[in-house]
Amino acid sequence: MQVEIRGAEKLSFRERQVVTLKEMGYSTERIAKQLKLSPSSVATLFNRARAKGYQVVIVIPGNSLGLFEPEDEEELGK
């Protein structure tokens, strides 16, 4: 699985850190502890990043979802 943050160039370094951890499912408290910030700072950074309009795209190979037989993947890859 690959995660891509579109619009990341609009975000500050700290906003990117917070967004990445939030989108990975970490709690505000856990992020605050890891980045040595207060939970309110984490919430502020996340809200600012959301206001700047980033998008998260997750690319999941079809095989990992069991959608294709090995022969189908070979044909698609040609």
PDB file of N, CA and C in Angstrom:
ATOM      1  N   MET A   1       0.842  -1.177   0.000  1.00  0.00           N
ATOM      2  CA  MET A   1       0.000   0.000   0.000  1.00  0.00           C
ATOM      3  C   MET A   1       0.888   1.242   0.000  1.00  0.00           C
ATOM      4  N   GLN A   2       0.478   2.220  -0.760  1.00  0.00           N
ATOM      5  CA  GLN A   2       1.215   3.476  -0.863  1.00  0.00           C
ATOM      6  C   GLN A   2       0.256   4.610  -0.524  1.00  0.00           C
ATOM      7  N   VAL A   3       0.717   5.556   0.284  1.00  0.00           N
ATOM      8  CA  VAL A   3      -0.096   6.709   0.654  1.00  0.00           C
ATOM      9  C   VAL A   3       0.529   7.947   0.036  1.00  0.00           C
ATOM     10  N   GLU A   4      -0.280   8.755  -0.618  1.00  0.00           N
ATOM     11  CA  GLU A   4       0.182   9.989  -1.239  1.00  0.00           C
ATOM     12  C   GLU A   4      -0.655  11.139  -0.688  1.00  0.00           C
ATOM     13  N   ILE A   5       0.011  12.216  -0.292  1.00  0.00           N
ATOM     14  CA  ILE A   5      -0.692  13.412   0.167  1.00  0.00           C
ATOM     15  C   ILE A   5      -0.587  14.443  -0.942  1.00  0.00           C
ATOM     16  N   ARG A   6      -1.704  14.682  -1.608  1.00  0.00           N
ATOM     17  CA  ARG A   6      -1.728  15.682  -2.676  1.00  0.00           C
ATOM     18  C   ARG A   6      -1.962  17.048  -2.057  1.00  0.00           C
ATOM     19  N   GLY A   7      -1.179  18.017  -2.499  1.00  0.00           N
ATOM     20  CA  GLY A   7      -1.267  19.354  -1.940  1.00  0.00           C
ATOM     21  C   GLY A   7      -0.339  19.536  -0.753  1.00  0.00           C
ATOM     22  N   ALA A   8       0.552  18.579  -0.529  1.00  0.00           N
ATOM     23  CA  ALA A   8       1.473  18.651   0.613  1.00  0.00           C
ATOM     24  C   ALA A   8       2.404  19.854   0.515  1.00  0.00           C
ATOM     25  N   GLU A   9       2.643  20.324  -0.704  1.00  0.00           N
ATOM     26  CA  GLU A   9       3.542  21.485  -0.868  1.00  0.00           C
ATOM     27  C   GLU A   9       2.960  22.746  -0.236  1.00  0.00           C
ATOM     28  N   LYS A  10       1.651  22.761  -0.004  1.00  0.00           N
ATOM     29  CA  LYS A  10       1.001  23.912   0.642  1.00  0.00           C
ATOM     30  C   LYS A  10       1.159  23.871   2.157  1.00  0.00           C
ATOM     31  N   LEU A  11       1.564  22.723   2.690  1.00  0.00           N
ATOM     32  CA  LEU A  11       1.619  22.530   4.133  1.00  0.00           C
ATOM     33  C   LEU A  11       3.010  22.811   4.693  1.00  0.00           C
ATOM     34  N   SER A  12       3.041  23.313   5.914  1.00  0.00           N
ATOM     35  CA  SER A  12       4.322  23.484   6.601  1.00  0.00           C
ATOM     36  C   SER A  12       4.855  22.101   6.977  1.00  0.00           C
ATOM     37  N   PHE A  13       6.114  22.069   7.379  1.00  0.00           N
ATOM     38  CA  PHE A  13       6.737  20.805   7.780  1.00  0.00           C
ATOM     39  C   PHE A  13       5.952  20.160   8.916  1.00  0.00           C
ATOM     40  N   ARG A  14       5.607  20.938   9.951  1.00  0.00           N
ATOM     41  CA  ARG A  14       4.869  20.416  11.099  1.00  0.00           C
ATOM     42  C   ARG A  14       3.469  19.949  10.694  1.00  0.00           C
ATOM     43  N   GLU A  15       2.819  20.702   9.807  1.00  0.00           N
ATOM     44  CA  GLU A  15       1.502  20.290   9.327  1.00  0.00           C
ATOM     45  C   GLU A  15       1.588  18.954   8.605  1.00  0.00           C
ATOM     46  N   ARG A  16       2.635  18.769   7.801  1.00  0.00           N
ATOM     47  CA  ARG A  16       2.822  17.489   7.101  1.00  0.00           C
ATOM     48  C   ARG A  16       3.008  16.342   8.088  1.00  0.00           C
ATOM     49  N   GLN A  17       3.792  16.603   9.135  1.00  0.00           N
ATOM     50  CA  GLN A  17       3.998  15.563  10.145  1.00  0.00           C
ATOM     51  C   GLN A  17       2.673  15.166  10.795  1.00  0.00           C
ATOM     52  N   VAL A  18       1.907  16.171  11.203  1.00  0.00           N
ATOM     53  CA  VAL A  18       0.642  15.918  11.877  1.00  0.00           C
ATOM     54  C   VAL A  18      -0.339  15.214  10.945  1.00  0.00           C
ATOM     55  N   VAL A  19      -0.455  15.697   9.720  1.00  0.00           N
ATOM     56  CA  VAL A  19      -1.376  15.088   8.754  1.00  0.00           C
ATOM     57  C   VAL A  19      -1.005  13.628   8.510  1.00  0.00           C
ATOM     58  N   THR A  20       0.256  13.362   8.317  1.00  0.00           N
ATOM     59  CA  THR A  20       0.697  11.991   8.056  1.00  0.00           C
ATOM     60  C   THR A  20       0.309  11.071   9.204  1.00  0.00           C
ATOM     61  N   LEU A  21       0.597  11.496  10.425  1.00  0.00           N
ATOM     62  CA  LEU A  21       0.276  10.656  11.577  1.00  0.00           C
ATOM     63  C   LEU A  21      -1.234  10.526  11.783  1.00  0.00           C
ATOM     64  N   LYS A  22      -1.972  11.624  11.584  1.00  0.00           N
ATOM     65  CA  LYS A  22      -3.437  11.577  11.720  1.00  0.00           C
ATOM     66  C   LYS A  22      -4.040  10.623  10.698  1.00  0.00           C
ATOM     67  N   GLU A  23      -3.589  10.717   9.461  1.00  0.00           N
ATOM     68  CA  GLU A  23      -4.131   9.874   8.394  1.00  0.00           C
ATOM     69  C   GLU A  23      -3.735   8.411   8.569  1.00  0.00           C
ATOM     70  N   MET A  24      -2.692   8.164   9.356  1.00  0.00           N
ATOM     71  CA  MET A  24      -2.307   6.789   9.675  1.00  0.00           C
ATOM     72  C   MET A  24      -3.116   6.253  10.850  1.00  0.00           C
ATOM     73  N   GLY A  25      -3.956   7.106  11.441  1.00  0.00           N
ATOM     74  CA  GLY A  25      -4.847   6.649  12.496  1.00  0.00           C
ATOM     75  C   GLY A  25      -4.402   6.947  13.910  1.00  0.00           C
ATOM     76  N   TYR A  26      -3.319   7.697  14.080  1.00  0.00           N
ATOM     77  CA  TYR A  26      -2.851   8.017  15.421  1.00  0.00           C
ATOM     78  C   TYR A  26      -3.754   9.058  16.080  1.00  0.00           C
ATOM     79  N   SER A  27      -3.903   8.954  17.379  1.00  0.00           N
ATOM     80  CA  SER A  27      -4.720   9.908  18.130  1.00  0.00           C
ATOM     81  C   SER A  27      -3.961  11.221  18.308  1.00  0.00           C
ATOM     82  N   THR A  28      -4.716  12.263  18.585  1.00  0.00           N
ATOM     83  CA  THR A  28      -4.117  13.577  18.834  1.00  0.00           C
ATOM     84  C   THR A  28      -3.134  13.496  19.998  1.00  0.00           C
ATOM     85  N   GLU A  29      -3.504  12.787  21.042  1.00  0.00           N
ATOM     86  CA  GLU A  29      -2.633  12.663  22.220  1.00  0.00           C
ATOM     87  C   GLU A  29      -1.326  11.950  21.881  1.00  0.00           C
ATOM     88  N   ARG A  30      -1.420  10.894  21.082  1.00  0.00           N
ATOM     89  CA  ARG A  30      -0.219  10.141  20.685  1.00  0.00           C
ATOM     90  C   ARG A  30       0.698  11.006  19.818  1.00  0.00           C
ATOM     91  N   ILE A  31       0.110  11.748  18.894  1.00  0.00           N
ATOM     92  CA  ILE A  31       0.894  12.628  18.024  1.00  0.00           C
ATOM     93  C   ILE A  31       1.572  13.711  18.860  1.00  0.00           C
ATOM     94  N   ALA A  32       0.829  14.285  19.792  1.00  0.00           N
ATOM     95  CA  ALA A  32       1.388  15.327  20.659  1.00  0.00           C
ATOM     96  C   ALA A  32       2.598  14.806  21.423  1.00  0.00           C
ATOM     97  N   LYS A  33       2.472  13.613  21.957  1.00  0.00           N
ATOM     98  CA  LYS A  33       3.587  13.013  22.704  1.00  0.00           C
ATOM     99  C   LYS A  33       4.784  12.760  21.793  1.00  0.00           C
ATOM    100  N   GLN A  34       4.521  12.198  20.614  1.00  0.00           N
ATOM    101  CA  GLN A  34       5.604  11.860  19.687  1.00  0.00           C
ATOM    102  C   GLN A  34       6.329  13.108  19.186  1.00  0.00           C
ATOM    103  N   LEU A  35       5.573  14.175  18.893  1.00  0.00           N
ATOM    104  CA  LEU A  35       6.182  15.395  18.341  1.00  0.00           C
ATOM    105  C   LEU A  35       6.538  16.418  19.412  1.00  0.00           C
ATOM    106  N   LYS A  36       6.284  16.050  20.684  1.00  0.00           N
ATOM    107  CA  LYS A  36       6.575  16.945  21.815  1.00  0.00           C
ATOM    108  C   LYS A  36       5.841  18.280  21.678  1.00  0.00           C
ATOM    109  N   LEU A  37       4.539  18.168  21.395  1.00  0.00           N
ATOM    110  CA  LEU A  37       3.647  19.323  21.277  1.00  0.00           C
ATOM    111  C   LEU A  37       2.468  19.113  22.218  1.00  0.00           C
ATOM    112  N   SER A  38       1.723  20.165  22.452  1.00  0.00           N
ATOM    113  CA  SER A  38       0.488  20.014  23.225  1.00  0.00           C
ATOM    114  C   SER A  38      -0.599  19.468  22.303  1.00  0.00           C
ATOM    115  N   PRO A  39      -1.583  18.776  22.858  1.00  0.00           N
ATOM    116  CA  PRO A  39      -2.701  18.291  22.024  1.00  0.00           C
ATOM    117  C   PRO A  39      -3.412  19.433  21.298  1.00  0.00           C
ATOM    118  N   SER A  40      -3.511  20.601  21.916  1.00  0.00           N
ATOM    119  CA  SER A  40      -4.172  21.723  21.238  1.00  0.00           C
ATOM    120  C   SER A  40      -3.349  22.217  20.052  1.00  0.00           C
ATOM    121  N   SER A  41      -2.027  22.160  20.142  1.00  0.00           N
ATOM    122  CA  SER A  41      -1.179  22.531  19.003  1.00  0.00           C
ATOM    123  C   SER A  41      -1.356  21.555  17.853  1.00  0.00           C
ATOM    124  N   VAL A  42      -1.464  20.280  18.182  1.00  0.00           N
ATOM    125  CA  VAL A  42      -1.689  19.259  17.149  1.00  0.00           C
ATOM    126  C   VAL A  42      -3.027  19.518  16.455  1.00  0.00           C
ATOM    127  N   ALA A  43      -4.060  19.791  17.247  1.00  0.00           N
ATOM    128  CA  ALA A  43      -5.382  20.061  16.668  1.00  0.00           C
ATOM    129  C   ALA A  43      -5.338  21.302  15.782  1.00  0.00           C
ATOM    130  N   THR A  44      -4.641  22.338  16.218  1.00  0.00           N
ATOM    131  CA  THR A  44      -4.522  23.562  15.427  1.00  0.00           C
ATOM    132  C   THR A  44      -3.795  23.292  14.116  1.00  0.00           C
ATOM    133  N   LEU A  45      -2.691  22.568  14.166  1.00  0.00           N
ATOM    134  CA  LEU A  45      -1.931  22.245  12.960  1.00  0.00           C
ATOM    135  C   LEU A  45      -2.778  21.420  11.989  1.00  0.00           C
ATOM    136  N   PHE A  46      -3.532  20.468  12.521  1.00  0.00           N
ATOM    137  CA  PHE A  46      -4.368  19.624  11.663  1.00  0.00           C
ATOM    138  C   PHE A  46      -5.476  20.451  11.017  1.00  0.00           C
ATOM    139  N   ASN A  47      -6.102  21.328  11.786  1.00  0.00           N
ATOM    140  CA  ASN A  47      -7.167  22.178  11.239  1.00  0.00           C
ATOM    141  C   ASN A  47      -6.637  23.147  10.182  1.00  0.00           C
ATOM    142  N   ARG A  48      -5.447  23.695  10.411  1.00  0.00           N
ATOM    143  CA  ARG A  48      -4.830  24.581   9.407  1.00  0.00           C
ATOM    144  C   ARG A  48      -4.548  23.820   8.129  1.00  0.00           C
ATOM    145  N   ALA A  49      -4.035  22.601   8.266  1.00  0.00           N
ATOM    146  CA  ALA A  49      -3.728  21.777   7.096  1.00  0.00           C
ATOM    147  C   ALA A  49      -5.009  21.457   6.326  1.00  0.00           C
ATOM    148  N   ARG A  50      -6.066  21.118   7.035  1.00  0.00           N
ATOM    149  CA  ARG A  50      -7.338  20.825   6.367  1.00  0.00           C
ATOM    150  C   ARG A  50      -7.864  22.050   5.633  1.00  0.00           C
ATOM    151  N   ALA A  51      -7.686  23.221   6.214  1.00  0.00           N
ATOM    152  CA  ALA A  51      -8.144  24.457   5.579  1.00  0.00           C
ATOM    153  C   ALA A  51      -7.369  24.748   4.291  1.00  0.00           C
ATOM    154  N   LYS A  52      -6.137  24.242   4.209  1.00  0.00           N
ATOM    155  CA  LYS A  52      -5.320  24.449   3.011  1.00  0.00           C
ATOM    156  C   LYS A  52      -5.690  23.478   1.894  1.00  0.00           C
ATOM    157  N   GLY A  53      -6.503  22.498   2.204  1.00  0.00           N
ATOM    158  CA  GLY A  53      -7.057  21.625   1.167  1.00  0.00           C
ATOM    159  C   GLY A  53      -6.146  20.551   0.631  1.00  0.00           C
ATOM    160  N   TYR A  54      -5.591  19.716   1.476  1.00  0.00           N
ATOM    161  CA  TYR A  54      -4.816  18.571   0.997  1.00  0.00           C
ATOM    162  C   TYR A  54      -5.762  17.404   0.731  1.00  0.00           C
ATOM    163  N   GLN A  55      -5.289  16.414  -0.022  1.00  0.00           N
ATOM    164  CA  GLN A  55      -6.035  15.181  -0.277  1.00  0.00           C
ATOM    165  C   GLN A  55      -5.125  14.005  -0.002  1.00  0.00           C
ATOM    166  N   VAL A  56      -5.678  12.967   0.566  1.00  0.00           N
ATOM    167  CA  VAL A  56      -4.920  11.742   0.788  1.00  0.00           C
ATOM    168  C   VAL A  56      -5.408  10.703  -0.202  1.00  0.00           C
ATOM    169  N   VAL A  57      -4.462  10.120  -0.915  1.00  0.00           N
ATOM    170  CA  VAL A  57      -4.767   9.082  -1.893  1.00  0.00           C
ATOM    171  C   VAL A  57      -4.038   7.827  -1.451  1.00  0.00           C
ATOM    172  N   ILE A  58      -4.774   6.731  -1.377  1.00  0.00           N
ATOM    173  CA  ILE A  58      -4.176   5.455  -1.001  1.00  0.00           C
ATOM    174  C   ILE A  58      -4.204   4.558  -2.234  1.00  0.00           C
ATOM    175  N   VAL A  59      -3.030   4.079  -2.627  1.00  0.00           N
ATOM    176  CA  VAL A  59      -2.912   3.188  -3.773  1.00  0.00           C
ATOM    177  C   VAL A  59      -2.719   1.773  -3.229  1.00  0.00           C
ATOM    178  N   ILE A  60      -3.679   0.915  -3.526  1.00  0.00           N
ATOM    179  CA  ILE A  60      -3.631  -0.461  -3.042  1.00  0.00           C
ATOM    180  C   ILE A  60      -3.555  -1.380  -4.256  1.00  0.00           C
ATOM    181  N   PRO A  61      -2.506  -2.186  -4.357  1.00  0.00           N
ATOM    182  CA  PRO A  61      -2.421  -3.121  -5.475  1.00  0.00           C
ATOM    183  C   PRO A  61      -3.611  -4.078  -5.464  1.00  0.00           C
ATOM    184  N   GLY A  62      -4.170  -4.366  -6.639  1.00  0.00           N
ATOM    185  CA  GLY A  62      -5.325  -5.242  -6.746  1.00  0.00           C
ATOM    186  C   GLY A  62      -5.101  -6.608  -6.128  1.00  0.00           C
ATOM    187  N   ASN A  63      -3.902  -7.122  -6.269  1.00  0.00           N
ATOM    188  CA  ASN A  63      -3.599  -8.447  -5.755  1.00  0.00           C
ATOM    189  C   ASN A  63      -3.776  -8.528  -4.247  1.00  0.00           C
ATOM    190  N   SER A  64      -3.438  -7.467  -3.534  1.00  0.00           N
ATOM    191  CA  SER A  64      -3.542  -7.505  -2.074  1.00  0.00           C
ATOM    192  C   SER A  64      -4.998  -7.573  -1.621  1.00  0.00           C
ATOM    193  N   LEU A  65      -5.921  -7.222  -2.506  1.00  0.00           N
ATOM    194  CA  LEU A  65      -7.344  -7.307  -2.187  1.00  0.00           C
ATOM    195  C   LEU A  65      -7.972  -8.594  -2.710  1.00  0.00           C
ATOM    196  N   GLY A  66      -7.170  -9.408  -3.382  1.00  0.00           N
ATOM    197  CA  GLY A  66      -7.672 -10.657  -3.930  1.00  0.00           C
ATOM    198  C   GLY A  66      -8.651 -10.453  -5.072  1.00  0.00           C
ATOM    199  N   LEU A  67      -8.463  -9.381  -5.846  1.00  0.00           N
ATOM    200  CA  LEU A  67      -9.379  -9.067  -6.934  1.00  0.00           C
ATOM    201  C   LEU A  67      -9.014  -9.745  -8.249  1.00  0.00           C
ATOM    202  N   PHE A  68      -7.739 -10.085  -8.405  1.00  0.00           N
ATOM    203  CA  PHE A  68      -7.287 -10.625  -9.677  1.00  0.00           C
ATOM    204  C   PHE A  68      -6.576 -11.951  -9.471  1.00  0.00           C
ATOM    205  N   GLU A  69      -6.743 -12.814 -10.447  1.00  0.00           N
ATOM    206  CA  GLU A  69      -5.975 -14.053 -10.492  1.00  0.00           C
ATOM    207  C   GLU A  69      -4.594 -13.697 -11.042  1.00  0.00           C
ATOM    208  N   PRO A  70      -3.561 -14.480 -10.735  1.00  0.00           N
ATOM    209  CA  PRO A  70      -2.219 -14.163 -11.242  1.00  0.00           C
ATOM    210  C   PRO A  70      -2.168 -13.983 -12.756  1.00  0.00           C
ATOM    211  N   GLU A  71      -2.967 -14.755 -13.507  1.00  0.00           N
ATOM    212  CA  GLU A  71      -2.963 -14.630 -14.959  1.00  0.00           C
ATOM    213  C   GLU A  71      -3.523 -13.272 -15.386  1.00  0.00           C
ATOM    214  N   ASP A  72      -4.556 -12.788 -14.671  1.00  0.00           N
ATOM    215  CA  ASP A  72      -5.156 -11.493 -14.987  1.00  0.00           C
ATOM    216  C   ASP A  72      -4.150 -10.367 -14.797  1.00  0.00           C
ATOM    217  N   GLU A  73      -3.371 -10.451 -13.732  1.00  0.00           N
ATOM    218  CA  GLU A  73      -2.378  -9.413 -13.461  1.00  0.00           C
ATOM    219  C   GLU A  73      -1.319  -9.369 -14.568  1.00  0.00           C
ATOM    220  N   GLU A  74      -0.927 -10.547 -15.075  1.00  0.00           N
ATOM    221  CA  GLU A  74       0.054 -10.591 -16.149  1.00  0.00           C
ATOM    222  C   GLU A  74      -0.486  -9.890 -17.377  1.00  0.00           C
ATOM    223  N   GLU A  75      -1.766 -10.122 -17.699  1.00  0.00           N
ATOM    224  CA  GLU A  75      -2.382  -9.486 -18.859  1.00  0.00           C
ATOM    225  C   GLU A  75      -2.478  -7.979 -18.667  1.00  0.00           C
ATOM    226  N   LEU A  76      -2.834  -7.531 -17.473  1.00  0.00           N
ATOM    227  CA  LEU A  76      -2.947  -6.104 -17.207  1.00  0.00           C
ATOM    228  C   LEU A  76      -1.588  -5.419 -17.250  1.00  0.00           C
ATOM    229  N   GLY A  77      -0.536  -6.140 -16.879  1.00  0.00           N
ATOM    230  CA  GLY A  77       0.791  -5.559 -16.854  1.00  0.00           C
ATOM    231  C   GLY A  77       1.447  -5.451 -18.211  1.00  0.00           C
ATOM    232  N   LYS A  78       0.865  -6.091 -19.222  1.00  0.00           N
ATOM    233  CA  LYS A  78       1.474  -6.093 -20.567  1.00  0.00           C
ATOM    234  C   LYS A  78       1.219  -4.793 -21.275  1.00  0.00           C
TER     235      LYS A  78
END
